[in-house]
């Protein structure tokens, strides 16, 4: 036997032994993770959401907005802009988005009125009306102030809702008087954070969704999502998708002047189309400032 052949044999024995040792050290199979349990009763779910709503404080944020929409010919349009957001729960919200050519989108609402105006030339429209009518008429705007406030924590449910649990998610469902699906809220049981809200028309069809993610904790322990995506549907499919990436979320301390002016309805001048929400839940065309 040569020196090299002996070394080979020793090395071979060592390798075989190592393989046997490794085979014996195989990690035992891990137990599948158990889903996080949800709330035991609807009363517990109501209390958890109410506590989060009560803890909300006025917020301000910068960020980015991406808008994708389909026109009447199903042609896709896309725009992006930087945004500034101001929120004074439970009802006041203001958002403005600016691109290279100036303002692209502005939304505002207070206790009495709301408006949304979108500047891109393909749209150039202003929608407005009474706040109570908007709540009664459901989800018809690209960015609905009620939806946005809900996404940021102004979620209101009561004991009439139905509580179900699915794989670590609590699902709260509200039915219409005729038993059709009206609204659903999906809550991640880890931290009990709302992840998605679905809105349905009186007939049960899905009209809008809003999804939330990337929650952050700000001053005072308030937890808010920094990624939000709002989707509006029509009969043939998606109508618009608006995505907000928030940055620098922090407490907002408005001055008296800001409280007075910031959330008021904005001017309609310069828009090709102006619509007012009526008592029949229709946005009715109005004379534009140039036509008056």
C-alpha atoms as a PDB file:
ATOM      1  CA  UNK A   1       0.000   0.000   0.000  1.00  0.00           C
ATOM      2  CA  UNK A   2       1.392   3.373  -0.946  1.00  0.00           C
ATOM      3  CA  UNK A   3       1.432   6.397   1.268  1.00  0.00           C
ATOM      4  CA  UNK A   4      -1.163   8.114  -0.909  1.00  0.00           C
ATOM      5  CA  UNK A   5      -3.497   5.108  -1.018  1.00  0.00           C
ATOM      6  CA  UNK A   6      -3.400   4.872   2.777  1.00  0.00           C
ATOM      7  CA  UNK A   7      -4.261   8.514   3.109  1.00  0.00           C
ATOM      8  CA  UNK A   8      -7.150   8.008   0.681  1.00  0.00           C
ATOM      9  CA  UNK A   9      -8.514   5.152   2.765  1.00  0.00           C
ATOM     10  CA  UNK A  10      -8.232   7.151   5.984  1.00  0.00           C
ATOM     11  CA  UNK A  11      -9.904  10.096   4.300  1.00  0.00           C
ATOM     12  CA  UNK A  12     -12.644   7.843   2.948  1.00  0.00           C
ATOM     13  CA  UNK A  13     -13.333   6.376   6.371  1.00  0.00           C
ATOM     14  CA  UNK A  14     -13.378   9.871   7.849  1.00  0.00           C
ATOM     15  CA  UNK A  15     -15.816  11.073   5.208  1.00  0.00           C
ATOM     16  CA  UNK A  16     -18.098   8.110   5.736  1.00  0.00           C
ATOM     17  CA  UNK A  17     -18.071   8.733   9.454  1.00  0.00           C
ATOM     18  CA  UNK A  18     -18.839  12.385   8.941  1.00  0.00           C
ATOM     19  CA  UNK A  19     -21.801  11.507   6.719  1.00  0.00           C
ATOM     20  CA  UNK A  20     -23.113   9.127   9.375  1.00  0.00           C
ATOM     21  CA  UNK A  21     -22.764  11.801  12.027  1.00  0.00           C
ATOM     22  CA  UNK A  22     -24.530  14.364   9.856  1.00  0.00           C
ATOM     23  CA  UNK A  23     -27.287  11.901   9.090  1.00  0.00           C
ATOM     24  CA  UNK A  24     -27.815  11.407  12.788  1.00  0.00           C
ATOM     25  CA  UNK A  25     -27.965  15.171  13.393  1.00  0.00           C
ATOM     26  CA  UNK A  26     -30.861  15.867  11.060  1.00  0.00           C
ATOM     27  CA  UNK A  27     -33.177  18.395  12.692  1.00  0.00           C
ATOM     28  CA  UNK A  28     -36.491  16.910  13.775  1.00  0.00           C
ATOM     29  CA  UNK A  29     -39.523  18.063  11.788  1.00  0.00           C
ATOM     30  CA  UNK A  30     -40.979  21.267  13.173  1.00  0.00           C
ATOM     31  CA  UNK A  31     -44.508  21.504  14.419  1.00  0.00           C
ATOM     32  CA  UNK A  32     -46.676  23.666  12.138  1.00  0.00           C
ATOM     33  CA  UNK A  33     -47.339  27.061  13.644  1.00  0.00           C
ATOM     34  CA  UNK A  34     -50.689  27.358  15.282  1.00  0.00           C
ATOM     35  CA  UNK A  35     -52.855  30.224  13.975  1.00  0.00           C
ATOM     36  CA  UNK A  36     -53.125  33.142  16.363  1.00  0.00           C
ATOM     37  CA  UNK A  37     -56.551  33.014  18.019  1.00  0.00           C
ATOM     38  CA  UNK A  38     -58.920  35.886  17.385  1.00  0.00           C
ATOM     39  CA  UNK A  39     -61.447  37.557  19.632  1.00  0.00           C
ATOM     40  CA  UNK A  40     -63.832  35.166  21.328  1.00  0.00           C
ATOM     41  CA  UNK A  41     -66.917  37.368  20.940  1.00  0.00           C
ATOM     42  CA  UNK A  42     -68.128  40.305  18.882  1.00  0.00           C
ATOM     43  CA  UNK A  43     -68.104  42.381  22.077  1.00  0.00           C
ATOM     44  CA  UNK A  44     -64.347  41.828  22.404  1.00  0.00           C
ATOM     45  CA  UNK A  45     -63.770  42.786  18.760  1.00  0.00           C
ATOM     46  CA  UNK A  46     -65.873  45.946  19.136  1.00  0.00           C
ATOM     47  CA  UNK A  47     -63.948  46.924  22.271  1.00  0.00           C
ATOM     48  CA  UNK A  48     -60.553  46.406  20.596  1.00  0.00           C
ATOM     49  CA  UNK A  49     -61.420  48.556  17.580  1.00  0.00           C
ATOM     50  CA  UNK A  50     -63.014  51.214  19.757  1.00  0.00           C
ATOM     51  CA  UNK A  51     -59.877  51.444  21.901  1.00  0.00           C
ATOM     52  CA  UNK A  52     -57.761  52.012  18.801  1.00  0.00           C
ATOM     53  CA  UNK A  53     -60.183  54.633  17.493  1.00  0.00           C
ATOM     54  CA  UNK A  54     -60.226  56.528  20.790  1.00  0.00           C
ATOM     55  CA  UNK A  55     -56.409  56.543  20.900  1.00  0.00           C
ATOM     56  CA  UNK A  56     -56.070  58.287  17.526  1.00  0.00           C
ATOM     57  CA  UNK A  57     -54.462  61.715  17.411  1.00  0.00           C
ATOM     58  CA  UNK A  58     -54.239  64.299  14.605  1.00  0.00           C
ATOM     59  CA  UNK A  59     -51.676  63.121  12.039  1.00  0.00           C
ATOM     60  CA  UNK A  60     -49.561  64.616   9.295  1.00  0.00           C
ATOM     61  CA  UNK A  61     -47.518  62.869   6.646  1.00  0.00           C
ATOM     62  CA  UNK A  62     -45.704  63.230   3.365  1.00  0.00           C
ATOM     63  CA  UNK A  63     -45.383  60.473   0.820  1.00  0.00           C
ATOM     64  CA  UNK A  64     -46.072  59.308  -2.700  1.00  0.00           C
ATOM     65  CA  UNK A  65     -49.316  58.590  -4.550  1.00  0.00           C
ATOM     66  CA  UNK A  66     -49.814  56.398  -7.613  1.00  0.00           C
ATOM     67  CA  UNK A  67     -53.091  56.558  -9.522  1.00  0.00           C
ATOM     68  CA  UNK A  68     -54.159  54.035 -12.141  1.00  0.00           C
ATOM     69  CA  UNK A  69     -57.543  54.273 -13.821  1.00  0.00           C
ATOM     70  CA  UNK A  70     -59.525  52.915 -16.742  1.00  0.00           C
ATOM     71  CA  UNK A  71     -61.567  55.261 -18.927  1.00  0.00           C
ATOM     72  CA  UNK A  72     -64.897  54.519 -20.644  1.00  0.00           C
ATOM     73  CA  UNK A  73     -63.025  52.836 -23.504  1.00  0.00           C
ATOM     74  CA  UNK A  74     -61.095  50.693 -21.002  1.00  0.00           C
ATOM     75  CA  UNK A  75     -57.854  52.500 -21.771  1.00  0.00           C
ATOM     76  CA  UNK A  76     -55.426  52.508 -18.847  1.00  0.00           C
ATOM     77  CA  UNK A  77     -53.955  55.767 -17.503  1.00  0.00           C
ATOM     78  CA  UNK A  78     -51.311  56.147 -14.797  1.00  0.00           C
ATOM     79  CA  UNK A  79     -50.001  59.123 -12.837  1.00  0.00           C
ATOM     80  CA  UNK A  80     -47.811  59.587  -9.783  1.00  0.00           C
ATOM     81  CA  UNK A  81     -47.229  62.520  -7.463  1.00  0.00           C
ATOM     82  CA  UNK A  82     -45.883  63.532  -4.075  1.00  0.00           C
ATOM     83  CA  UNK A  83     -48.501  64.087  -1.376  1.00  0.00           C
ATOM     84  CA  UNK A  84     -49.134  65.886   1.877  1.00  0.00           C
ATOM     85  CA  UNK A  85     -51.738  64.424   4.233  1.00  0.00           C
ATOM     86  CA  UNK A  86     -53.387  65.995   7.278  1.00  0.00           C
ATOM     87  CA  UNK A  87     -55.918  64.158   9.436  1.00  0.00           C
ATOM     88  CA  UNK A  88     -57.936  65.312  12.448  1.00  0.00           C
ATOM     89  CA  UNK A  89     -60.043  62.323  13.542  1.00  0.00           C
ATOM     90  CA  UNK A  90     -62.783  61.424  13.484  1.00  0.00           C
ATOM     91  CA  UNK A  91     -64.040  63.402  10.451  1.00  0.00           C
ATOM     92  CA  UNK A  92     -61.520  65.890   9.081  1.00  0.00           C
ATOM     93  CA  UNK A  93     -59.053  64.942   6.373  1.00  0.00           C
ATOM     94  CA  UNK A  94     -57.023  66.804   3.754  1.00  0.00           C
ATOM     95  CA  UNK A  95     -54.780  65.388   1.034  1.00  0.00           C
ATOM     96  CA  UNK A  96     -53.032  67.174  -1.826  1.00  0.00           C
ATOM     97  CA  UNK A  97     -50.838  65.622  -4.517  1.00  0.00           C
ATOM     98  CA  UNK A  98     -48.450  67.551  -6.756  1.00  0.00           C
ATOM     99  CA  UNK A  99     -46.588  66.426  -9.873  1.00  0.00           C
ATOM    100  CA  UNK A 100     -44.162  68.107 -12.257  1.00  0.00           C
ATOM    101  CA  UNK A 101     -46.942  70.216 -13.760  1.00  0.00           C
ATOM    102  CA  UNK A 102     -48.524  71.264 -10.473  1.00  0.00           C
ATOM    103  CA  UNK A 103     -51.449  69.987  -8.453  1.00  0.00           C
ATOM    104  CA  UNK A 104     -52.887  66.657  -9.600  1.00  0.00           C
ATOM    105  CA  UNK A 105     -55.294  65.654  -6.857  1.00  0.00           C
ATOM    106  CA  UNK A 106     -56.865  67.250  -3.788  1.00  0.00           C
ATOM    107  CA  UNK A 107     -59.294  65.786  -1.272  1.00  0.00           C
ATOM    108  CA  UNK A 108     -60.880  67.362   1.754  1.00  0.00           C
ATOM    109  CA  UNK A 109     -63.679  66.815   4.231  1.00  0.00           C
ATOM    110  CA  UNK A 110     -65.011  68.265   7.450  1.00  0.00           C
ATOM    111  CA  UNK A 111     -68.142  67.536   9.466  1.00  0.00           C
ATOM    112  CA  UNK A 112     -70.431  69.087   6.840  1.00  0.00           C
ATOM    113  CA  UNK A 113     -68.988  68.704   3.353  1.00  0.00           C
ATOM    114  CA  UNK A 114     -66.505  66.786   1.216  1.00  0.00           C
ATOM    115  CA  UNK A 115     -64.806  67.228  -2.133  1.00  0.00           C
ATOM    116  CA  UNK A 116     -62.406  65.446  -4.456  1.00  0.00           C
ATOM    117  CA  UNK A 117     -60.819  67.151  -7.426  1.00  0.00           C
ATOM    118  CA  UNK A 118     -58.568  65.450  -9.966  1.00  0.00           C
ATOM    119  CA  UNK A 119     -56.583  67.606 -12.354  1.00  0.00           C
ATOM    120  CA  UNK A 120     -55.070  65.393 -15.109  1.00  0.00           C
ATOM    121  CA  UNK A 121     -56.495  66.536 -18.447  1.00  0.00           C
ATOM    122  CA  UNK A 122     -58.005  63.110 -19.130  1.00  0.00           C
ATOM    123  CA  UNK A 123     -60.244  63.622 -16.085  1.00  0.00           C
ATOM    124  CA  UNK A 124     -60.313  67.302 -14.965  1.00  0.00           C
ATOM    125  CA  UNK A 125     -63.205  66.770 -12.570  1.00  0.00           C
ATOM    126  CA  UNK A 126     -64.498  68.001  -9.222  1.00  0.00           C
ATOM    127  CA  UNK A 127     -66.899  65.974  -7.067  1.00  0.00           C
ATOM    128  CA  UNK A 128     -68.499  67.430  -3.960  1.00  0.00           C
ATOM    129  CA  UNK A 129     -71.486  67.345  -1.666  1.00  0.00           C
ATOM    130  CA  UNK A 130     -72.756  66.927   1.853  1.00  0.00           C
ATOM    131  CA  UNK A 131     -70.843  64.624   4.140  1.00  0.00           C
ATOM    132  CA  UNK A 132     -73.921  62.827   5.486  1.00  0.00           C
ATOM    133  CA  UNK A 133     -75.037  62.006   1.943  1.00  0.00           C
ATOM    134  CA  UNK A 134     -71.653  60.537   1.097  1.00  0.00           C
ATOM    135  CA  UNK A 135     -71.882  58.193   4.077  1.00  0.00           C
ATOM    136  CA  UNK A 136     -75.398  57.135   3.063  1.00  0.00           C
ATOM    137  CA  UNK A 137     -74.602  56.659  -0.624  1.00  0.00           C
ATOM    138  CA  UNK A 138     -71.667  54.312  -0.333  1.00  0.00           C
ATOM    139  CA  UNK A 139     -68.351  54.160  -2.127  1.00  0.00           C
ATOM    140  CA  UNK A 140     -68.278  55.961  -5.469  1.00  0.00           C
ATOM    141  CA  UNK A 141     -65.123  58.108  -5.332  1.00  0.00           C
ATOM    142  CA  UNK A 142     -61.554  57.194  -6.243  1.00  0.00           C
ATOM    143  CA  UNK A 143     -60.494  58.335  -2.795  1.00  0.00           C
ATOM    144  CA  UNK A 144     -63.372  58.457  -0.366  1.00  0.00           C
ATOM    145  CA  UNK A 145     -62.637  60.511   2.787  1.00  0.00           C
ATOM    146  CA  UNK A 146     -64.598  58.046   4.911  1.00  0.00           C
ATOM    147  CA  UNK A 147     -62.555  55.133   3.522  1.00  0.00           C
ATOM    148  CA  UNK A 148     -59.296  56.950   4.116  1.00  0.00           C
ATOM    149  CA  UNK A 149     -60.206  57.770   7.706  1.00  0.00           C
ATOM    150  CA  UNK A 150     -61.256  54.163   8.311  1.00  0.00           C
ATOM    151  CA  UNK A 151     -57.945  52.936   6.929  1.00  0.00           C
ATOM    152  CA  UNK A 152     -56.127  55.168   9.403  1.00  0.00           C
ATOM    153  CA  UNK A 153     -58.091  53.782  12.347  1.00  0.00           C
ATOM    154  CA  UNK A 154     -61.537  55.405  12.458  1.00  0.00           C
ATOM    155  CA  UNK A 155     -63.289  52.027  12.256  1.00  0.00           C
ATOM    156  CA  UNK A 156     -66.727  51.770  13.829  1.00  0.00           C
ATOM    157  CA  UNK A 157     -68.517  48.479  14.391  1.00  0.00           C
ATOM    158  CA  UNK A 158     -71.190  47.356  16.823  1.00  0.00           C
ATOM    159  CA  UNK A 159     -72.730  44.163  18.169  1.00  0.00           C
ATOM    160  CA  UNK A 160     -74.927  43.731  15.097  1.00  0.00           C
ATOM    161  CA  UNK A 161     -71.859  42.673  13.072  1.00  0.00           C
ATOM    162  CA  UNK A 162     -71.021  38.990  12.582  1.00  0.00           C
ATOM    163  CA  UNK A 163     -67.644  37.714  13.847  1.00  0.00           C
ATOM    164  CA  UNK A 164     -65.864  34.832  12.103  1.00  0.00           C
ATOM    165  CA  UNK A 165     -62.294  33.552  12.367  1.00  0.00           C
ATOM    166  CA  UNK A 166     -60.188  32.251   9.455  1.00  0.00           C
ATOM    167  CA  UNK A 167     -56.510  31.245   9.787  1.00  0.00           C
ATOM    168  CA  UNK A 168     -55.326  33.989  12.102  1.00  0.00           C
ATOM    169  CA  UNK A 169     -57.721  36.596  10.737  1.00  0.00           C
ATOM    170  CA  UNK A 170     -60.897  37.917  12.330  1.00  0.00           C
ATOM    171  CA  UNK A 171     -63.540  38.733   9.721  1.00  0.00           C
ATOM    172  CA  UNK A 172     -66.271  41.167  10.749  1.00  0.00           C
ATOM    173  CA  UNK A 173     -69.318  41.272   8.474  1.00  0.00           C
ATOM    174  CA  UNK A 174     -72.233  43.666   8.296  1.00  0.00           C
ATOM    175  CA  UNK A 175     -75.312  42.567   6.363  1.00  0.00           C
ATOM    176  CA  UNK A 176     -77.884  44.793   4.716  1.00  0.00           C
ATOM    177  CA  UNK A 177     -81.517  44.690   5.934  1.00  0.00           C
ATOM    178  CA  UNK A 178     -82.314  42.146   3.200  1.00  0.00           C
ATOM    179  CA  UNK A 179     -79.446  39.893   4.280  1.00  0.00           C
ATOM    180  CA  UNK A 180     -76.933  40.798   1.575  1.00  0.00           C
ATOM    181  CA  UNK A 181     -73.263  41.471   2.146  1.00  0.00           C
ATOM    182  CA  UNK A 182     -72.747  45.179   2.913  1.00  0.00           C
ATOM    183  CA  UNK A 183     -69.262  45.472   4.407  1.00  0.00           C
ATOM    184  CA  UNK A 184     -66.436  43.264   5.629  1.00  0.00           C
ATOM    185  CA  UNK A 185     -63.383  44.071   7.747  1.00  0.00           C
ATOM    186  CA  UNK A 186     -60.393  41.704   7.824  1.00  0.00           C
ATOM    187  CA  UNK A 187     -58.216  41.999  10.954  1.00  0.00           C
ATOM    188  CA  UNK A 188     -54.827  40.368  11.513  1.00  0.00           C
ATOM    189  CA  UNK A 189     -55.059  38.839  14.977  1.00  0.00           C
ATOM    190  CA  UNK A 190     -51.346  39.463  15.583  1.00  0.00           C
ATOM    191  CA  UNK A 191     -51.624  42.962  17.017  1.00  0.00           C
ATOM    192  CA  UNK A 192     -55.253  43.187  15.908  1.00  0.00           C
ATOM    193  CA  UNK A 193     -54.530  45.451  12.950  1.00  0.00           C
ATOM    194  CA  UNK A 194     -57.032  45.987  10.155  1.00  0.00           C
ATOM    195  CA  UNK A 195     -55.623  44.717   6.851  1.00  0.00           C
ATOM    196  CA  UNK A 196     -58.530  45.113   4.441  1.00  0.00           C
ATOM    197  CA  UNK A 197     -62.034  46.567   4.220  1.00  0.00           C
ATOM    198  CA  UNK A 198     -64.512  45.583   1.492  1.00  0.00           C
ATOM    199  CA  UNK A 199     -67.490  47.774   0.598  1.00  0.00           C
ATOM    200  CA  UNK A 200     -70.544  46.406  -1.198  1.00  0.00           C
ATOM    201  CA  UNK A 201     -73.416  48.020  -3.077  1.00  0.00           C
ATOM    202  CA  UNK A 202     -77.033  47.537  -1.902  1.00  0.00           C
ATOM    203  CA  UNK A 203     -77.325  44.548  -4.247  1.00  0.00           C
ATOM    204  CA  UNK A 204     -74.240  42.910  -2.760  1.00  0.00           C
ATOM    205  CA  UNK A 205     -71.740  43.644  -5.549  1.00  0.00           C
ATOM    206  CA  UNK A 206     -68.230  44.646  -4.493  1.00  0.00           C
ATOM    207  CA  UNK A 207     -67.760  48.379  -5.132  1.00  0.00           C
ATOM    208  CA  UNK A 208     -64.514  49.238  -3.332  1.00  0.00           C
ATOM    209  CA  UNK A 209     -61.723  47.805  -1.233  1.00  0.00           C
ATOM    210  CA  UNK A 210     -58.982  49.365   0.838  1.00  0.00           C
ATOM    211  CA  UNK A 211     -55.900  47.475   1.980  1.00  0.00           C
ATOM    212  CA  UNK A 212     -53.447  48.539   4.690  1.00  0.00           C
ATOM    213  CA  UNK A 213     -49.946  47.378   5.537  1.00  0.00           C
ATOM    214  CA  UNK A 214     -46.561  48.439   6.948  1.00  0.00           C
ATOM    215  CA  UNK A 215     -47.895  49.682  10.274  1.00  0.00           C
ATOM    216  CA  UNK A 216     -45.688  52.036  12.298  1.00  0.00           C
ATOM    217  CA  UNK A 217     -45.898  53.318  15.857  1.00  0.00           C
ATOM    218  CA  UNK A 218     -45.716  57.086  16.302  1.00  0.00           C
ATOM    219  CA  UNK A 219     -45.639  59.375  19.352  1.00  0.00           C
ATOM    220  CA  UNK A 220     -47.965  58.252  22.092  1.00  0.00           C
ATOM    221  CA  UNK A 221     -48.003  54.630  20.935  1.00  0.00           C
ATOM    222  CA  UNK A 222     -50.527  55.215  18.129  1.00  0.00           C
ATOM    223  CA  UNK A 223     -50.180  52.587  15.394  1.00  0.00           C
ATOM    224  CA  UNK A 224     -50.985  53.615  11.800  1.00  0.00           C
ATOM    225  CA  UNK A 225     -50.500  51.993   8.379  1.00  0.00           C
ATOM    226  CA  UNK A 226     -48.006  53.631   6.029  1.00  0.00           C
ATOM    227  CA  UNK A 227     -49.106  51.744   2.888  1.00  0.00           C
ATOM    228  CA  UNK A 228     -52.696  52.011   1.680  1.00  0.00           C
ATOM    229  CA  UNK A 229     -54.284  50.891  -1.567  1.00  0.00           C
ATOM    230  CA  UNK A 230     -57.818  51.875  -2.557  1.00  0.00           C
ATOM    231  CA  UNK A 231     -59.554  50.087  -5.434  1.00  0.00           C
ATOM    232  CA  UNK A 232     -62.883  51.189  -6.912  1.00  0.00           C
ATOM    233  CA  UNK A 233     -64.868  48.767  -9.075  1.00  0.00           C
ATOM    234  CA  UNK A 234     -67.568  49.108 -11.684  1.00  0.00           C
ATOM    235  CA  UNK A 235     -69.673  46.373 -13.280  1.00  0.00           C
ATOM    236  CA  UNK A 236     -67.019  45.416 -15.849  1.00  0.00           C
ATOM    237  CA  UNK A 237     -64.097  45.366 -13.418  1.00  0.00           C
ATOM    238  CA  UNK A 238     -61.646  47.782 -11.830  1.00  0.00           C
ATOM    239  CA  UNK A 239     -62.239  51.485 -12.368  1.00  0.00           C
ATOM    240  CA  UNK A 240     -59.379  53.040 -10.387  1.00  0.00           C
ATOM    241  CA  UNK A 241     -56.550  52.026  -8.057  1.00  0.00           C
ATOM    242  CA  UNK A 242     -54.946  54.621  -5.774  1.00  0.00           C
ATOM    243  CA  UNK A 243     -51.858  53.659  -3.771  1.00  0.00           C
ATOM    244  CA  UNK A 244     -50.471  55.820  -0.964  1.00  0.00           C
ATOM    245  CA  UNK A 245     -46.978  55.309   0.457  1.00  0.00           C
ATOM    246  CA  UNK A 246     -46.794  57.498   3.541  1.00  0.00           C
ATOM    247  CA  UNK A 247     -43.529  58.774   5.005  1.00  0.00           C
ATOM    248  CA  UNK A 248     -42.656  60.819   8.057  1.00  0.00           C
ATOM    249  CA  UNK A 249     -45.962  60.110   9.786  1.00  0.00           C
ATOM    250  CA  UNK A 250     -46.139  62.133  12.978  1.00  0.00           C
ATOM    251  CA  UNK A 251     -48.470  64.008  15.270  1.00  0.00           C
ATOM    252  CA  UNK A 252     -50.185  67.062  13.749  1.00  0.00           C
ATOM    253  CA  UNK A 253     -50.875  70.113  15.883  1.00  0.00           C
ATOM    254  CA  UNK A 254     -53.081  72.362  13.720  1.00  0.00           C
ATOM    255  CA  UNK A 255     -53.382  76.056  14.368  1.00  0.00           C
ATOM    256  CA  UNK A 256     -56.805  77.671  14.662  1.00  0.00           C
ATOM    257  CA  UNK A 257     -56.396  79.035  11.129  1.00  0.00           C
ATOM    258  CA  UNK A 258     -55.639  75.570   9.773  1.00  0.00           C
ATOM    259  CA  UNK A 259     -58.636  74.101  11.545  1.00  0.00           C
ATOM    260  CA  UNK A 260     -60.785  76.793   9.941  1.00  0.00           C
ATOM    261  CA  UNK A 261     -59.462  76.689   6.364  1.00  0.00           C
ATOM    262  CA  UNK A 262     -57.604  73.473   5.663  1.00  0.00           C
ATOM    263  CA  UNK A 263     -60.565  71.108   5.462  1.00  0.00           C
ATOM    264  CA  UNK A 264     -63.054  73.421   3.735  1.00  0.00           C
ATOM    265  CA  UNK A 265     -64.334  72.645   0.194  1.00  0.00           C
ATOM    266  CA  UNK A 266     -61.886  73.894  -2.434  1.00  0.00           C
ATOM    267  CA  UNK A 267     -62.516  76.068  -5.473  1.00  0.00           C
ATOM    268  CA  UNK A 268     -64.105  74.498  -8.584  1.00  0.00           C
ATOM    269  CA  UNK A 269     -62.561  76.932 -11.063  1.00  0.00           C
ATOM    270  CA  UNK A 270     -60.402  75.450 -13.806  1.00  0.00           C
ATOM    271  CA  UNK A 271     -62.143  72.064 -13.975  1.00  0.00           C
ATOM    272  CA  UNK A 272     -63.961  70.816 -17.081  1.00  0.00           C
ATOM    273  CA  UNK A 273     -66.482  68.786 -15.101  1.00  0.00           C
ATOM    274  CA  UNK A 274     -68.137  69.600 -11.775  1.00  0.00           C
ATOM    275  CA  UNK A 275     -70.475  67.118 -10.055  1.00  0.00           C
ATOM    276  CA  UNK A 276     -72.627  67.451  -6.955  1.00  0.00           C
ATOM    277  CA  UNK A 277     -73.920  64.439  -5.008  1.00  0.00           C
ATOM    278  CA  UNK A 278     -77.720  64.553  -4.751  1.00  0.00           C
ATOM    279  CA  UNK A 279     -80.213  62.835  -2.450  1.00  0.00           C
ATOM    280  CA  UNK A 280     -80.528  59.936  -4.918  1.00  0.00           C
ATOM    281  CA  UNK A 281     -76.821  59.104  -4.630  1.00  0.00           C
ATOM    282  CA  UNK A 282     -76.026  60.435  -8.088  1.00  0.00           C
ATOM    283  CA  UNK A 283     -73.257  62.861  -8.969  1.00  0.00           C
ATOM    284  CA  UNK A 284     -75.176  65.428 -11.014  1.00  0.00           C
ATOM    285  CA  UNK A 285     -73.276  67.660 -13.489  1.00  0.00           C
ATOM    286  CA  UNK A 286     -73.137  71.308 -12.430  1.00  0.00           C
ATOM    287  CA  UNK A 287     -72.304  74.473 -14.382  1.00  0.00           C
ATOM    288  CA  UNK A 288     -68.569  75.103 -14.295  1.00  0.00           C
ATOM    289  CA  UNK A 289     -67.145  78.421 -13.123  1.00  0.00           C
ATOM    290  CA  UNK A 290     -66.355  79.322 -16.747  1.00  0.00           C
ATOM    291  CA  UNK A 291     -69.980  78.736 -17.783  1.00  0.00           C
ATOM    292  CA  UNK A 292     -71.572  80.773 -15.009  1.00  0.00           C
END
